[in-house]
């Protein structure tokens, strides 16, 4: 044993020999093969909208667990790194910086509209792809378009077009609006009236009230709206505030005095489940990922999500699920974690989802989700309300490339 080199000497010699044979860059690459591929999840896990977290996180986990069960990506496991923005736009950058420091190659977020522009801006500055699950502000497709940001939820003009078509079919003569102070709600209202003023100037705009995005008191607003005697009240209120709106509006018998419709979210399961069998029938709304669709892909996803969470998937559930599928498919097609290669892949990849095959358009990074318009009611198949007779609208309701470029050039 005497004269045998110490173990540390042998380690140094072996390391040096490896560097001579393969080079330092290849040695680092060999070590990196053991790392995970990290996808950042910027959720709203606390704060006023924290109650919906259980409708989002499991949808992301399902994708990652499934891809890992099939061997992961690039020969490595996929890891979800979580940060909470609390629904506060002022801390979005800080949380995204933490995801970057953790080594995330793609980030997902956010669900609250005001948090989406800082996500897109951060993606541009850091050259890291961001996939935004929510509809977000229309500006992210036009004047504030980013090469590195992709938006999953439908844009305000598409939501407005579906409302416009549906209202014309019902011969609505007058509308009063109650809108949350969020870009998606206000933009939808603006585009709806642009279409109405052009095609049906006889339909009366009785005015509107804008409330805070987390507003919980609606009695005075409801009273003022009913005083206008509208054919229809258009709502841009979602989440927990909408649940409060329903409770307070019932005191005024609002749902029997006038029609009520919304641009988004109010026929989503997180709200329907909160009311059980007491949801107001006849309320109309757009929906992007309704769990009650009869197609096999949706029924399979709903069954799996129920088994995992005992919850029917909400619109936001499937939007987060699709955003995660996109991240995985983008990395897979790029065959790399390089940001620009992932962006190029996302502009060309098609993704199988619970609402069918979709893609992100290369000129505005908008997902081509179908939009459904339905009326709240009950079915013996479900213990909660659903949207009855959902009418499906495809990409024809979305702004065209020429329209997007015109908006973009107008900045």
Foldseek 3Di string as FASTA:
>chain_A
DPPDDDPVVVVVVVVVVVCVVPNPVVVVVVVCLAPAAEEEEAEQCAALQNVCVLLAVVLLVVVQVVCVVVQPALNHRYHYDYDHPNLDLVCLLVRVVVSVVVPHQEYEDDARQVNPLVVQVSCQVVVGAYEYLYQHAPCCLAQVPGLRYFYEHHALLLLLLVVLVVCVVVVFQEEEEEAEPGRSRVSNVVNNVVVCCVPPVRRYYLYYHYDHLSDQDCQVVLVVRVVSQGQEYEYHHAHPSVLSVVVNNVVVVNVVRHAYEYSEFCQWFVNQVVQQANDRFFYKYKAQLFLPDPDPLSVVVQVVSCVVRVGGRTSSSQSSSVSSQLQRQLCRVLSDSNSVSSSVSQCPDWGQGSQGIWGQHNSRSYIWTKMWMFTWDDDPVDRTIHGPPTDIDTCVSHDDSVRSHVSNVVD
